[in-house]
PDB file of N, CA and C in Angstrom:
ATOM      1  N   MET A   1      -4.366  -0.412   8.030  1.00  0.00           N
ATOM      2  CA  MET A   1      -4.084   0.627   7.070  1.00  0.00           C
ATOM      3  C   MET A   1      -3.989   2.036   7.871  1.00  0.00           C
ATOM      4  N   HIS A   2      -3.319   2.750   7.265  1.00  0.00           N
ATOM      5  CA  HIS A   2      -3.238   4.137   7.840  1.00  0.00           C
ATOM      6  C   HIS A   2      -4.474   4.921   7.591  1.00  0.00           C
ATOM      7  N   LYS A   3      -4.662   5.978   8.232  1.00  0.00           N
ATOM      8  CA  LYS A   3      -5.698   6.843   8.047  1.00  0.00           C
ATOM      9  C   LYS A   3      -5.712   7.371   6.615  1.00  0.00           C
ATOM     10  N   LEU A   4      -6.842   7.390   5.820  1.00  0.00           N
ATOM     11  CA  LEU A   4      -7.013   7.939   4.629  1.00  0.00           C
ATOM     12  C   LEU A   4      -7.360   9.435   4.536  1.00  0.00           C
ATOM     13  N   THR A   5      -6.672  10.114   3.716  1.00  0.00           N
ATOM     14  CA  THR A   5      -7.096  11.441   3.704  1.00  0.00           C
ATOM     15  C   THR A   5      -7.764  11.595   2.288  1.00  0.00           C
ATOM     16  N   MET A   6      -8.569  12.756   2.186  1.00  0.00           N
ATOM     17  CA  MET A   6      -9.349  12.735   0.960  1.00  0.00           C
ATOM     18  C   MET A   6      -8.417  12.970  -0.243  1.00  0.00           C
ATOM     19  N   LEU A   7      -7.194  13.519   0.107  1.00  0.00           N
ATOM     20  CA  LEU A   7      -6.151  13.835  -0.911  1.00  0.00           C
ATOM     21  C   LEU A   7      -5.637  12.411  -1.370  1.00  0.00           C
ATOM     22  N   ASP A   8      -5.666  11.412  -0.699  1.00  0.00           N
ATOM     23  CA  ASP A   8      -5.073  10.028  -0.943  1.00  0.00           C
ATOM     24  C   ASP A   8      -6.089   9.268  -1.970  1.00  0.00           C
ATOM     25  N   ALA A   9      -7.367   9.629  -1.864  1.00  0.00           N
ATOM     26  CA  ALA A   9      -8.463   8.884  -2.698  1.00  0.00           C
ATOM     27  C   ALA A   9      -7.977   8.635  -3.995  1.00  0.00           C
ATOM     28  N   PRO A  10      -7.832  10.068  -4.520  1.00  0.00           N
ATOM     29  CA  PRO A  10      -7.761   9.771  -6.088  1.00  0.00           C
ATOM     30  C   PRO A  10      -6.356   9.152  -6.600  1.00  0.00           C
ATOM     31  N   ASN A  11      -5.244   9.146  -5.749  1.00  0.00           N
ATOM     32  CA  ASN A  11      -4.126   8.360  -6.137  1.00  0.00           C
ATOM     33  C   ASN A  11      -4.447   6.916  -5.928  1.00  0.00           C
ATOM     34  N   LYS A  12      -5.153   6.726  -4.918  1.00  0.00           N
ATOM     35  CA  LYS A  12      -5.450   5.132  -4.760  1.00  0.00           C
ATOM     36  C   LYS A  12      -6.386   4.718  -5.954  1.00  0.00           C
ATOM     37  N   ILE A  13      -7.331   5.429  -6.413  1.00  0.00           N
ATOM     38  CA  ILE A  13      -8.169   5.183  -7.575  1.00  0.00           C
ATOM     39  C   ILE A  13      -7.263   5.026  -8.779  1.00  0.00           C
ATOM     40  N   ARG A  14      -6.250   5.843  -9.010  1.00  0.00           N
ATOM     41  CA  ARG A  14      -5.617   5.753 -10.202  1.00  0.00           C
ATOM     42  C   ARG A  14      -4.710   4.418 -10.113  1.00  0.00           C
ATOM     43  N   ASN A  15      -4.195   4.207  -8.937  1.00  0.00           N
ATOM     44  CA  ASN A  15      -3.424   2.984  -8.622  1.00  0.00           C
ATOM     45  C   ASN A  15      -4.258   1.506  -9.118  1.00  0.00           C
ATOM     46  N   ILE A  16      -5.570   1.626  -8.645  1.00  0.00           N
ATOM     47  CA  ILE A  16      -6.388   0.603  -9.060  1.00  0.00           C
ATOM     48  C   ILE A  16      -6.587   0.546 -10.555  1.00  0.00           C
ATOM     49  N   ALA A  17      -6.826   1.857 -11.282  1.00  0.00           N
ATOM     50  CA  ALA A  17      -7.205   2.050 -12.610  1.00  0.00           C
ATOM     51  C   ALA A  17      -5.941   1.305 -13.378  1.00  0.00           C
ATOM     52  N   THR A  18      -4.729   1.540 -12.962  1.00  0.00           N
ATOM     53  CA  THR A  18      -3.326   1.157 -13.481  1.00  0.00           C
ATOM     54  C   THR A  18      -3.445  -0.171 -13.449  1.00  0.00           C
ATOM     55  N   LEU A  19      -3.849  -0.859 -12.437  1.00  0.00           N
ATOM     56  CA  LEU A  19      -3.656  -2.404 -12.264  1.00  0.00           C
ATOM     57  C   LEU A  19      -4.511  -3.054 -13.098  1.00  0.00           C
ATOM     58  N   LEU A  20      -5.746  -2.429 -13.361  1.00  0.00           N
ATOM     59  CA  LEU A  20      -6.707  -3.021 -14.277  1.00  0.00           C
ATOM     60  C   LEU A  20      -6.297  -2.838 -15.770  1.00  0.00           C
ATOM     61  N   ALA A  21      -5.548  -1.645 -15.959  1.00  0.00           N
ATOM     62  CA  ALA A  21      -5.185  -1.457 -17.290  1.00  0.00           C
ATOM     63  C   ALA A  21      -4.195  -2.256 -17.745  1.00  0.00           C
ATOM     64  N   ALA A  22      -3.181  -2.752 -16.817  1.00  0.00           N
ATOM     65  CA  ALA A  22      -2.112  -3.551 -16.926  1.00  0.00           C
ATOM     66  C   ALA A  22      -2.671  -5.080 -17.115  1.00  0.00           C
ATOM     67  N   SER A  23      -3.675  -5.390 -16.479  1.00  0.00           N
ATOM     68  CA  SER A  23      -4.336  -6.701 -16.742  1.00  0.00           C
ATOM     69  C   SER A  23      -4.902  -6.747 -18.265  1.00  0.00           C
ATOM     70  N   LEU A  24      -5.490  -5.778 -18.700  1.00  0.00           N
ATOM     71  CA  LEU A  24      -6.033  -5.775 -20.061  1.00  0.00           C
ATOM     72  C   LEU A  24      -5.035  -5.975 -21.161  1.00  0.00           C
ATOM     73  N   LEU A  25      -3.659  -5.622 -20.686  1.00  0.00           N
ATOM     74  CA  LEU A  25      -2.701  -5.780 -21.840  1.00  0.00           C
ATOM     75  C   LEU A  25      -2.003  -7.067 -21.937  1.00  0.00           C
ATOM     76  N   MET A  26      -2.543  -8.099 -21.003  1.00  0.00           N
ATOM     77  CA  MET A  26      -2.019  -9.464 -20.881  1.00  0.00           C
ATOM     78  C   MET A  26      -2.806 -10.159 -22.112  1.00  0.00           C
ATOM     79  N   ARG A  27      -2.238 -11.043 -22.641  1.00  0.00           N
ATOM     80  CA  ARG A  27      -2.622 -11.853 -23.705  1.00  0.00           C
ATOM     81  C   ARG A  27      -3.272 -13.096 -23.131  1.00  0.00           C
ATOM     82  N   ASP A  28      -4.507 -13.263 -23.708  1.00  0.00           N
ATOM     83  CA  ASP A  28      -5.207 -14.371 -23.076  1.00  0.00           C
ATOM     84  C   ASP A  28      -4.817 -15.678 -23.550  1.00  0.00           C
ATOM     85  N   ASN A  29      -4.009 -15.902 -24.752  1.00  0.00           N
ATOM     86  CA  ASN A  29      -3.794 -17.222 -25.081  1.00  0.00           C
ATOM     87  C   ASN A  29      -2.292 -17.750 -24.578  1.00  0.00           C
ATOM     88  N   ILE A  30      -1.817 -16.886 -23.725  1.00  0.00           N
ATOM     89  CA  ILE A  30      -0.643 -17.398 -22.982  1.00  0.00           C
ATOM     90  C   ILE A  30      -0.856 -17.568 -21.652  1.00  0.00           C
ATOM     91  N   GLU A  31      -0.736 -18.737 -21.010  1.00  0.00           N
ATOM     92  CA  GLU A  31      -1.030 -19.134 -19.794  1.00  0.00           C
ATOM     93  C   GLU A  31      -0.543 -18.172 -18.694  1.00  0.00           C
ATOM     94  N   GLU A  32       0.814 -18.053 -18.783  1.00  0.00           N
ATOM     95  CA  GLU A  32       1.596 -17.095 -17.767  1.00  0.00           C
ATOM     96  C   GLU A  32       0.893 -15.656 -17.769  1.00  0.00           C
ATOM     97  N   GLU A  33       0.555 -15.164 -18.758  1.00  0.00           N
ATOM     98  CA  GLU A  33      -0.078 -13.863 -18.861  1.00  0.00           C
ATOM     99  C   GLU A  33      -1.403 -13.833 -18.335  1.00  0.00           C
ATOM    100  N   GLN A  34      -2.212 -14.982 -18.470  1.00  0.00           N
ATOM    101  CA  GLN A  34      -3.449 -15.182 -17.880  1.00  0.00           C
ATOM    102  C   GLN A  34      -3.340 -14.966 -16.376  1.00  0.00           C
ATOM    103  N   GLN A  35      -2.321 -15.679 -15.880  1.00  0.00           N
ATOM    104  CA  GLN A  35      -2.239 -15.798 -14.333  1.00  0.00           C
ATOM    105  C   GLN A  35      -2.010 -14.493 -13.891  1.00  0.00           C
ATOM    106  N   THR A  36      -0.994 -13.872 -14.615  1.00  0.00           N
ATOM    107  CA  THR A  36      -0.486 -12.520 -14.262  1.00  0.00           C
ATOM    108  C   THR A  36      -1.640 -11.540 -14.178  1.00  0.00           C
ATOM    109  N   ALA A  37      -2.737 -11.684 -15.208  1.00  0.00           N
ATOM    110  CA  ALA A  37      -3.814 -10.645 -15.298  1.00  0.00           C
ATOM    111  C   ALA A  37      -4.757 -11.026 -14.039  1.00  0.00           C
ATOM    112  N   ILE A  38      -4.745 -12.261 -13.621  1.00  0.00           N
ATOM    113  CA  ILE A  38      -5.622 -12.533 -12.629  1.00  0.00           C
ATOM    114  C   ILE A  38      -5.230 -11.991 -11.283  1.00  0.00           C
ATOM    115  N   VAL A  39      -3.854 -12.085 -11.046  1.00  0.00           N
ATOM    116  CA  VAL A  39      -3.205 -11.782  -9.868  1.00  0.00           C
ATOM    117  C   VAL A  39      -3.345 -10.085  -9.794  1.00  0.00           C
ATOM    118  N   LEU A  40      -3.217  -9.457 -10.879  1.00  0.00           N
ATOM    119  CA  LEU A  40      -3.410  -7.910 -10.905  1.00  0.00           C
ATOM    120  C   LEU A  40      -4.871  -7.670 -10.620  1.00  0.00           C
ATOM    121  N   ILE A  41      -5.830  -8.324 -11.212  1.00  0.00           N
ATOM    122  CA  ILE A  41      -7.284  -7.941 -11.038  1.00  0.00           C
ATOM    123  C   ILE A  41      -7.527  -8.317  -9.496  1.00  0.00           C
ATOM    124  N   ASP A  42      -7.039  -9.476  -8.999  1.00  0.00           N
ATOM    125  CA  ASP A  42      -7.106  -9.629  -7.411  1.00  0.00           C
ATOM    126  C   ASP A  42      -6.701  -8.497  -6.683  1.00  0.00           C
ATOM    127  N   ILE A  43      -5.433  -8.028  -6.765  1.00  0.00           N
ATOM    128  CA  ILE A  43      -4.700  -6.810  -6.103  1.00  0.00           C
ATOM    129  C   ILE A  43      -5.734  -5.460  -6.338  1.00  0.00           C
ATOM    130  N   ALA A  44      -6.352  -5.431  -7.466  1.00  0.00           N
ATOM    131  CA  ALA A  44      -7.181  -4.321  -7.834  1.00  0.00           C
ATOM    132  C   ALA A  44      -8.253  -4.375  -6.753  1.00  0.00           C
ATOM    133  N   LEU A  45      -8.923  -5.551  -6.739  1.00  0.00           N
ATOM    134  CA  LEU A  45     -10.135  -5.936  -5.934  1.00  0.00           C
ATOM    135  C   LEU A  45      -9.960  -5.520  -4.398  1.00  0.00           C
ATOM    136  N   VAL A  46      -8.821  -6.161  -3.926  1.00  0.00           N
ATOM    137  CA  VAL A  46      -8.464  -5.916  -2.625  1.00  0.00           C
ATOM    138  C   VAL A  46      -8.260  -4.504  -2.261  1.00  0.00           C
ATOM    139  N   ARG A  47      -7.488  -3.757  -3.167  1.00  0.00           N
ATOM    140  CA  ARG A  47      -7.359  -2.332  -2.892  1.00  0.00           C
ATOM    141  C   ARG A  47      -8.660  -1.499  -3.030  1.00  0.00           C
ATOM    142  N   SER A  48      -9.545  -1.862  -3.927  1.00  0.00           N
ATOM    143  CA  SER A  48     -10.872  -1.174  -3.947  1.00  0.00           C
ATOM    144  C   SER A  48     -11.668  -1.431  -2.796  1.00  0.00           C
ATOM    145  N   ARG A  49     -11.555  -2.676  -2.284  1.00  0.00           N
ATOM    146  CA  ARG A  49     -12.457  -3.139  -1.135  1.00  0.00           C
ATOM    147  C   ARG A  49     -12.008  -2.207   0.189  1.00  0.00           C
ATOM    148  N   GLU A  50     -10.606  -2.113   0.157  1.00  0.00           N
ATOM    149  CA  GLU A  50      -9.974  -1.374   1.371  1.00  0.00           C
ATOM    150  C   GLU A  50     -10.401   0.233   1.339  1.00  0.00           C
ATOM    151  N   LEU A  51     -10.376   0.693   0.154  1.00  0.00           N
ATOM    152  CA  LEU A  51     -10.658   2.096  -0.239  1.00  0.00           C
ATOM    153  C   LEU A  51     -12.088   2.276   0.139  1.00  0.00           C
ATOM    154  N   ALA A  52     -13.002   1.426  -0.260  1.00  0.00           N
ATOM    155  CA  ALA A  52     -14.438   1.481  -0.089  1.00  0.00           C
ATOM    156  C   ALA A  52     -14.683   1.467   1.460  1.00  0.00           C
ATOM    157  N   GLN A  53     -14.055   0.633   2.081  1.00  0.00           N
ATOM    158  CA  GLN A  53     -14.360   0.265   3.662  1.00  0.00           C
ATOM    159  C   GLN A  53     -13.717   1.571   4.415  1.00  0.00           C
ATOM    160  N   ASP A  54     -12.659   2.318   3.911  1.00  0.00           N
ATOM    161  CA  ASP A  54     -12.139   3.182   4.630  1.00  0.00           C
ATOM    162  C   ASP A  54     -13.102   4.380   4.561  1.00  0.00           C
ATOM    163  N   LEU A  55     -13.584   4.593   3.234  1.00  0.00           N
ATOM    164  CA  LEU A  55     -14.495   5.745   2.978  1.00  0.00           C
ATOM    165  C   LEU A  55     -15.887   5.463   3.630  1.00  0.00           C
ATOM    166  N   LYS A  56     -16.488   4.156   3.718  1.00  0.00           N
ATOM    167  CA  LYS A  56     -17.621   4.043   4.528  1.00  0.00           C
ATOM    168  C   LYS A  56     -17.685   4.037   5.989  1.00  0.00           C
ATOM    169  N   SER A  57     -16.419   3.708   6.540  1.00  0.00           N
ATOM    170  CA  SER A  57     -16.163   3.776   7.980  1.00  0.00           C
ATOM    171  C   SER A  57     -15.945   5.133   8.547  1.00  0.00           C
ATOM    172  N   GLY A  58     -15.974   6.135   7.677  1.00  0.00           N
ATOM    173  CA  GLY A  58     -15.569   7.439   7.907  1.00  0.00           C
ATOM    174  C   GLY A  58     -14.128   7.844   8.416  1.00  0.00           C
ATOM    175  N   GLU A  59     -13.268   7.008   8.144  1.00  0.00           N
ATOM    176  CA  GLU A  59     -11.704   7.118   8.430  1.00  0.00           C
ATOM    177  C   GLU A  59     -11.251   8.211   7.535  1.00  0.00           C
ATOM    178  N   ALA A  60     -11.871   8.499   6.321  1.00  0.00           N
ATOM    179  CA  ALA A  60     -11.361   9.310   5.568  1.00  0.00           C
ATOM    180  C   ALA A  60     -11.476  10.816   5.954  1.00  0.00           C
ATOM    181  N   ARG A  61     -10.475  11.613   6.026  1.00  0.00           N
ATOM    182  CA  ARG A  61     -10.435  13.036   6.661  1.00  0.00           C
ATOM    183  C   ARG A  61      -9.870  13.832   5.625  1.00  0.00           C
ATOM    184  N   HIS A  62     -10.327  15.089   5.785  1.00  0.00           N
ATOM    185  CA  HIS A  62      -9.583  16.122   4.968  1.00  0.00           C
ATOM    186  C   HIS A  62      -8.224  16.463   5.454  1.00  0.00           C
ATOM    187  N   ALA A  63      -7.321  16.658   4.512  1.00  0.00           N
ATOM    188  CA  ALA A  63      -5.856  17.110   4.943  1.00  0.00           C
ATOM    189  C   ALA A  63      -5.780  18.323   5.451  1.00  0.00           C
TER     190      ALA A  63
END
């Protein structure tokens, strides 16, 4: 992953929030939409872990 700047963090958080919001729009009574929601949540979790790791490791720098 590229070096994270502090200006990137809000965009990454908005991206994660968008994925989670989209997963909430899926209907739970339709199997295909359930699977799509699970994939969206999985992507959001991976991205949030990457962001947390970057922030924790000190790779985040001011632009």
